[in-house]
N, C-alpha and C. Protein backbone atom coordinates (compact mmCIF):
# COMPACT_ATOMS: atom_id res chain seq x y z
N MET A 1 -35.51 16.75 -32.27
CA MET A 1 -34.88 15.68 -31.57
C MET A 1 -34.39 14.56 -32.46
N LYS A 2 -33.35 13.84 -32.05
CA LYS A 2 -32.96 12.79 -33.09
C LYS A 2 -33.51 11.45 -32.47
N LYS A 3 -33.62 10.51 -33.33
CA LYS A 3 -33.99 9.23 -32.92
C LYS A 3 -32.97 8.30 -32.96
N PHE A 4 -32.93 7.36 -32.07
CA PHE A 4 -31.74 6.30 -31.69
C PHE A 4 -32.40 4.91 -31.56
N MET A 5 -31.88 3.86 -32.38
CA MET A 5 -32.23 2.59 -32.22
C MET A 5 -31.29 2.10 -31.07
N ILE A 6 -31.93 1.38 -30.13
CA ILE A 6 -31.21 0.80 -29.07
C ILE A 6 -31.20 -0.76 -29.23
N PHE A 7 -29.95 -1.27 -29.25
CA PHE A 7 -29.91 -2.76 -29.29
C PHE A 7 -29.51 -3.32 -27.92
N TYR A 8 -30.10 -4.23 -27.31
CA TYR A 8 -29.84 -4.92 -26.03
C TYR A 8 -29.04 -6.03 -26.45
N MET A 9 -27.72 -5.97 -26.10
CA MET A 9 -26.81 -6.98 -26.44
C MET A 9 -26.31 -7.90 -25.22
N ALA A 10 -26.06 -9.15 -25.56
CA ALA A 10 -25.39 -9.97 -24.64
C ALA A 10 -24.73 -11.18 -25.43
N ASP A 11 -23.84 -11.83 -24.75
CA ASP A 11 -23.27 -13.02 -25.43
C ASP A 11 -24.53 -14.13 -25.43
N PRO A 12 -24.76 -14.66 -26.62
CA PRO A 12 -25.85 -15.50 -26.73
C PRO A 12 -25.85 -16.70 -25.70
N ALA A 13 -24.70 -17.24 -25.59
CA ALA A 13 -24.68 -18.26 -24.54
C ALA A 13 -25.09 -17.85 -23.07
N ALA A 14 -24.55 -16.71 -22.68
CA ALA A 14 -24.76 -16.16 -21.44
C ALA A 14 -26.28 -15.92 -21.33
N PHE A 15 -26.82 -15.25 -22.22
CA PHE A 15 -28.29 -14.95 -22.27
C PHE A 15 -29.16 -16.28 -22.18
N GLU A 16 -28.71 -17.27 -22.91
CA GLU A 16 -29.49 -18.53 -22.83
C GLU A 16 -29.41 -19.26 -21.36
N THR A 17 -28.21 -19.22 -20.83
CA THR A 17 -28.10 -19.68 -19.48
C THR A 17 -28.81 -18.98 -18.52
N MET A 18 -28.85 -17.61 -18.62
CA MET A 18 -29.59 -16.67 -17.81
C MET A 18 -31.15 -17.10 -17.76
N MET A 19 -31.64 -17.31 -19.06
CA MET A 19 -32.97 -17.55 -19.30
C MET A 19 -33.44 -19.10 -18.81
N GLN A 20 -32.53 -19.93 -18.87
CA GLN A 20 -32.73 -21.34 -18.39
C GLN A 20 -32.76 -21.28 -16.90
N ASN A 21 -31.99 -20.39 -16.38
CA ASN A 21 -31.86 -20.38 -14.66
C ASN A 21 -32.80 -19.49 -14.14
N SER A 22 -33.51 -18.67 -14.85
CA SER A 22 -34.50 -17.80 -14.20
C SER A 22 -35.73 -18.39 -13.66
N THR A 23 -36.27 -17.77 -12.58
CA THR A 23 -37.51 -18.33 -11.97
C THR A 23 -38.67 -17.40 -12.26
N PRO A 24 -39.87 -17.77 -12.06
CA PRO A 24 -41.01 -16.87 -12.20
C PRO A 24 -40.68 -15.60 -11.39
N GLU A 25 -40.29 -15.69 -10.24
CA GLU A 25 -39.97 -14.51 -9.25
C GLU A 25 -38.92 -13.57 -9.88
N THR A 26 -37.76 -14.22 -10.35
CA THR A 26 -36.79 -13.19 -10.98
C THR A 26 -37.37 -12.57 -12.28
N ARG A 27 -38.07 -13.33 -12.99
CA ARG A 27 -38.68 -12.85 -14.30
C ARG A 27 -39.63 -11.61 -13.90
N LYS A 28 -40.52 -11.86 -12.92
CA LYS A 28 -41.37 -10.79 -12.39
C LYS A 28 -40.63 -9.61 -11.97
N LYS A 29 -39.58 -9.80 -11.13
CA LYS A 29 -38.83 -8.75 -10.67
C LYS A 29 -38.13 -7.99 -11.80
N GLY A 30 -37.57 -8.57 -12.84
CA GLY A 30 -37.01 -7.99 -13.97
C GLY A 30 -37.96 -7.21 -14.83
N MET A 31 -39.25 -7.74 -15.08
CA MET A 31 -40.20 -6.97 -15.79
C MET A 31 -40.61 -5.68 -14.97
N GLU A 32 -40.65 -5.71 -13.60
CA GLU A 32 -40.98 -4.53 -12.82
C GLU A 32 -39.85 -3.54 -13.00
N ALA A 33 -38.58 -3.97 -12.99
CA ALA A 33 -37.46 -3.07 -13.18
C ALA A 33 -37.60 -2.50 -14.63
N TRP A 34 -37.85 -3.15 -15.58
CA TRP A 34 -38.25 -2.61 -17.03
C TRP A 34 -39.26 -1.59 -17.05
N MET A 35 -40.42 -1.93 -16.38
CA MET A 35 -41.47 -0.99 -16.39
C MET A 35 -41.28 0.24 -15.58
N HIS A 36 -40.54 0.17 -14.51
CA HIS A 36 -40.00 1.42 -13.77
C HIS A 36 -39.10 2.28 -14.72
N TRP A 37 -38.19 1.68 -15.44
CA TRP A 37 -37.39 2.35 -16.32
C TRP A 37 -38.14 2.96 -17.40
N MET A 38 -39.17 2.38 -17.98
CA MET A 38 -39.81 2.84 -19.13
C MET A 38 -40.71 3.95 -18.75
N THR A 39 -41.37 3.87 -17.42
CA THR A 39 -42.06 4.93 -16.88
C THR A 39 -41.20 6.24 -16.67
N ALA A 40 -40.08 5.88 -16.10
CA ALA A 40 -39.23 7.13 -15.84
C ALA A 40 -38.77 7.83 -17.15
N HIS A 41 -38.79 7.10 -18.27
CA HIS A 41 -38.12 7.69 -19.52
C HIS A 41 -39.38 7.72 -20.55
N LYS A 42 -40.60 7.83 -20.21
CA LYS A 42 -41.72 7.65 -21.07
C LYS A 42 -41.71 8.86 -22.11
N GLY A 43 -41.32 10.01 -21.77
CA GLY A 43 -41.18 11.19 -22.71
C GLY A 43 -40.19 11.03 -23.77
N SER A 44 -39.23 10.01 -23.59
CA SER A 44 -38.20 9.82 -24.68
C SER A 44 -38.31 8.64 -25.48
N ILE A 45 -39.19 7.79 -24.91
CA ILE A 45 -39.30 6.48 -25.70
C ILE A 45 -40.38 6.52 -26.84
N VAL A 46 -39.91 6.19 -27.97
CA VAL A 46 -40.71 6.22 -29.26
C VAL A 46 -41.31 4.99 -29.48
N ASP A 47 -40.57 3.87 -29.15
CA ASP A 47 -41.22 2.53 -29.29
C ASP A 47 -40.50 1.72 -28.22
N GLY A 48 -41.21 1.32 -27.28
CA GLY A 48 -40.63 0.44 -26.24
C GLY A 48 -39.85 -0.82 -26.74
N GLY A 49 -40.10 -1.26 -27.82
CA GLY A 49 -39.44 -2.42 -28.42
C GLY A 49 -39.98 -3.73 -27.94
N ALA A 50 -39.12 -4.83 -28.09
CA ALA A 50 -39.54 -6.12 -27.69
C ALA A 50 -38.26 -7.00 -27.71
N PRO A 51 -38.35 -8.12 -27.11
CA PRO A 51 -37.27 -9.21 -27.27
C PRO A 51 -37.30 -9.53 -28.76
N LEU A 52 -36.19 -10.11 -29.22
CA LEU A 52 -36.03 -10.57 -30.64
C LEU A 52 -35.64 -11.96 -30.58
N GLY A 53 -36.08 -12.75 -31.69
CA GLY A 53 -35.85 -14.16 -31.72
C GLY A 53 -34.70 -14.53 -32.71
N LYS A 54 -34.85 -15.67 -33.18
CA LYS A 54 -33.73 -16.23 -34.22
C LYS A 54 -33.54 -15.28 -35.35
N THR A 55 -32.19 -15.35 -35.77
CA THR A 55 -31.86 -14.48 -36.95
C THR A 55 -31.52 -15.37 -38.12
N ARG A 56 -32.11 -14.78 -39.17
CA ARG A 56 -31.87 -15.49 -40.53
C ARG A 56 -31.11 -14.56 -41.44
N ARG A 57 -29.92 -14.84 -41.84
CA ARG A 57 -29.11 -14.01 -42.65
C ARG A 57 -29.30 -14.40 -44.14
N VAL A 58 -29.62 -13.31 -44.77
CA VAL A 58 -29.77 -13.55 -46.39
C VAL A 58 -28.76 -12.67 -47.17
N ASP A 59 -28.03 -13.40 -48.10
CA ASP A 59 -27.03 -12.64 -48.84
C ASP A 59 -27.23 -13.29 -50.21
N ALA A 60 -26.25 -12.95 -51.18
CA ALA A 60 -26.40 -13.38 -52.54
C ALA A 60 -26.26 -14.81 -52.76
N LYS A 61 -25.77 -15.57 -51.74
CA LYS A 61 -25.72 -16.98 -51.77
C LYS A 61 -26.90 -17.74 -51.32
N GLY A 62 -27.69 -16.95 -50.55
CA GLY A 62 -28.92 -17.61 -49.94
C GLY A 62 -29.15 -17.16 -48.57
N ALA A 63 -29.99 -18.00 -47.88
CA ALA A 63 -30.28 -17.76 -46.51
C ALA A 63 -29.88 -18.74 -45.64
N LYS A 64 -29.43 -18.30 -44.24
CA LYS A 64 -29.06 -19.32 -43.42
C LYS A 64 -29.21 -18.80 -41.96
N ASP A 65 -29.40 -19.69 -41.00
CA ASP A 65 -29.66 -19.25 -39.55
C ASP A 65 -28.28 -18.80 -39.06
N VAL A 66 -28.20 -17.77 -38.18
CA VAL A 66 -27.09 -17.34 -37.60
C VAL A 66 -27.35 -16.93 -36.20
N LYS A 67 -26.20 -16.82 -35.44
CA LYS A 67 -26.52 -16.26 -34.02
C LYS A 67 -25.76 -14.90 -33.86
N ASN A 68 -26.44 -14.11 -33.05
CA ASN A 68 -25.85 -12.81 -32.85
C ASN A 68 -26.08 -12.44 -31.35
N GLY A 69 -25.67 -11.30 -30.92
CA GLY A 69 -25.87 -11.06 -29.57
C GLY A 69 -27.06 -9.97 -29.27
N ILE A 70 -27.92 -9.76 -30.24
CA ILE A 70 -28.95 -8.84 -30.19
C ILE A 70 -30.19 -9.61 -29.54
N GLY A 71 -30.48 -9.14 -28.14
CA GLY A 71 -31.66 -9.82 -27.55
C GLY A 71 -32.91 -8.99 -27.68
N GLY A 72 -32.85 -7.70 -27.97
CA GLY A 72 -34.00 -6.88 -28.15
C GLY A 72 -33.75 -5.52 -28.55
N TYR A 73 -34.78 -4.65 -28.68
CA TYR A 73 -34.57 -3.24 -29.32
C TYR A 73 -35.48 -2.40 -28.58
N SER A 74 -35.30 -1.15 -28.68
CA SER A 74 -36.10 -0.02 -28.45
C SER A 74 -35.77 1.14 -29.29
N VAL A 75 -36.56 2.09 -29.48
CA VAL A 75 -36.26 3.44 -30.27
C VAL A 75 -36.53 4.57 -29.11
N VAL A 76 -35.59 5.40 -28.98
CA VAL A 76 -35.65 6.50 -28.12
C VAL A 76 -35.32 7.77 -28.85
N GLN A 77 -35.81 8.92 -28.30
CA GLN A 77 -35.46 10.22 -28.97
C GLN A 77 -34.69 11.06 -27.79
N ALA A 78 -33.69 11.74 -28.30
CA ALA A 78 -32.88 12.57 -27.50
C ALA A 78 -32.19 13.60 -28.38
N ASP A 79 -31.68 14.64 -27.69
CA ASP A 79 -30.91 15.66 -28.40
C ASP A 79 -29.67 15.30 -29.05
N SER A 80 -29.00 14.24 -28.52
CA SER A 80 -27.69 13.83 -28.95
C SER A 80 -27.47 12.35 -28.58
N HIS A 81 -26.38 11.92 -29.02
CA HIS A 81 -25.94 10.43 -28.65
C HIS A 81 -25.62 10.42 -27.20
N ASP A 82 -24.97 11.53 -26.75
CA ASP A 82 -24.62 11.42 -25.29
C ASP A 82 -25.96 11.59 -24.43
N ALA A 83 -26.84 12.33 -24.78
CA ALA A 83 -28.16 12.48 -24.07
C ALA A 83 -28.87 11.05 -24.16
N ALA A 84 -28.79 10.39 -25.15
CA ALA A 84 -29.50 8.99 -25.27
C ALA A 84 -28.78 8.06 -24.38
N ALA A 85 -27.40 8.16 -24.33
CA ALA A 85 -26.63 7.25 -23.44
C ALA A 85 -26.96 7.46 -22.01
N LYS A 86 -27.27 8.55 -21.64
CA LYS A 86 -27.38 8.96 -20.23
C LYS A 86 -28.65 8.16 -19.79
N MET A 87 -29.64 7.76 -20.71
CA MET A 87 -30.87 7.01 -20.30
C MET A 87 -30.57 5.65 -19.79
N PHE A 88 -29.40 5.22 -20.14
CA PHE A 88 -28.86 3.78 -20.03
C PHE A 88 -27.72 3.67 -19.03
N SER A 89 -27.93 4.14 -17.76
CA SER A 89 -27.00 4.14 -16.61
C SER A 89 -26.68 2.69 -16.25
N LYS A 90 -25.75 2.59 -15.25
CA LYS A 90 -25.28 1.33 -14.82
C LYS A 90 -26.43 0.55 -14.18
N ASP A 91 -27.50 1.18 -13.71
CA ASP A 91 -28.63 0.51 -13.03
C ASP A 91 -29.73 0.13 -14.00
N HIS A 92 -29.55 0.38 -15.36
CA HIS A 92 -30.58 -0.08 -16.31
C HIS A 92 -30.87 -1.64 -16.32
N PRO A 93 -32.14 -2.02 -16.24
CA PRO A 93 -32.34 -3.41 -16.09
C PRO A 93 -31.62 -4.49 -16.95
N HIS A 94 -31.36 -4.02 -18.21
CA HIS A 94 -30.57 -4.94 -19.06
C HIS A 94 -29.22 -5.03 -18.66
N LEU A 95 -28.59 -4.08 -18.01
CA LEU A 95 -27.19 -4.19 -17.67
C LEU A 95 -26.91 -4.96 -16.49
N GLN A 96 -28.03 -5.34 -15.87
CA GLN A 96 -27.90 -6.28 -14.59
C GLN A 96 -27.46 -7.67 -14.97
N MET A 97 -27.60 -7.88 -16.14
CA MET A 97 -27.26 -9.27 -16.62
C MET A 97 -25.78 -9.32 -17.00
N LEU A 98 -25.12 -10.32 -16.42
CA LEU A 98 -23.66 -10.49 -16.61
C LEU A 98 -23.26 -10.51 -18.08
N GLY A 99 -22.37 -9.52 -18.43
CA GLY A 99 -21.76 -9.49 -19.76
C GLY A 99 -22.66 -8.73 -20.71
N ALA A 100 -23.63 -7.95 -20.21
CA ALA A 100 -24.63 -7.45 -21.26
C ALA A 100 -24.20 -6.02 -21.36
N TRP A 101 -24.55 -5.48 -22.53
CA TRP A 101 -24.22 -4.09 -22.95
C TRP A 101 -25.42 -3.56 -23.87
N VAL A 102 -25.38 -2.22 -24.08
CA VAL A 102 -26.39 -1.58 -24.96
C VAL A 102 -25.67 -0.85 -26.08
N GLU A 103 -26.19 -1.01 -27.31
CA GLU A 103 -25.62 -0.28 -28.39
C GLU A 103 -26.70 0.79 -28.85
N ILE A 104 -26.14 2.10 -29.03
CA ILE A 104 -27.07 3.00 -29.37
C ILE A 104 -26.65 3.55 -30.77
N VAL A 105 -27.59 3.49 -31.67
CA VAL A 105 -27.33 3.84 -33.12
C VAL A 105 -28.33 4.90 -33.51
N GLU A 106 -27.70 5.99 -34.06
CA GLU A 106 -28.60 7.15 -34.45
C GLU A 106 -29.29 6.71 -35.76
N ILE A 107 -30.67 6.91 -35.81
CA ILE A 107 -31.39 6.75 -37.03
C ILE A 107 -31.42 7.94 -37.86
N MET A 108 -30.80 7.83 -39.06
CA MET A 108 -30.57 9.01 -39.84
C MET A 108 -31.78 9.22 -40.74
N PRO A 109 -31.98 10.62 -40.93
CA PRO A 109 -33.07 10.99 -41.83
C PRO A 109 -32.87 10.37 -43.31
N MET A 110 -33.98 9.96 -43.97
CA MET A 110 -33.78 9.69 -45.37
C MET A 110 -33.57 10.76 -46.32
N PRO A 111 -32.59 10.89 -47.10
CA PRO A 111 -32.32 12.16 -47.91
C PRO A 111 -33.48 12.29 -48.82
N GLY A 112 -33.81 13.54 -48.91
CA GLY A 112 -35.06 13.83 -49.82
C GLY A 112 -36.37 13.53 -49.37
N MET A 113 -36.64 13.13 -48.03
CA MET A 113 -37.85 12.72 -47.56
C MET A 113 -38.24 13.60 -46.31
């Protein structure tokens, strides 16, 4: 089986607005939906992942804070990219957020390892 890194993406401003407007009830309902999805796919989940915080970019000129649309990650296993994508149907909890999407990146084996 191949492994895939899943990035839960959204416009940073839309995500911030959603978090500011959420209530304890909507957060609880959202977590229940995530737990249901994770249970339904437990055989394919390598690492359930977590939300991600601020980003610090480092290059040859130094380090600085930047914004990106990555809100969290997971690692799943599947036979193919298409099989991995099927785990993320239109009713996936992350895709219920306006303007959200998922990026699926194959984790390639290290040569010689």
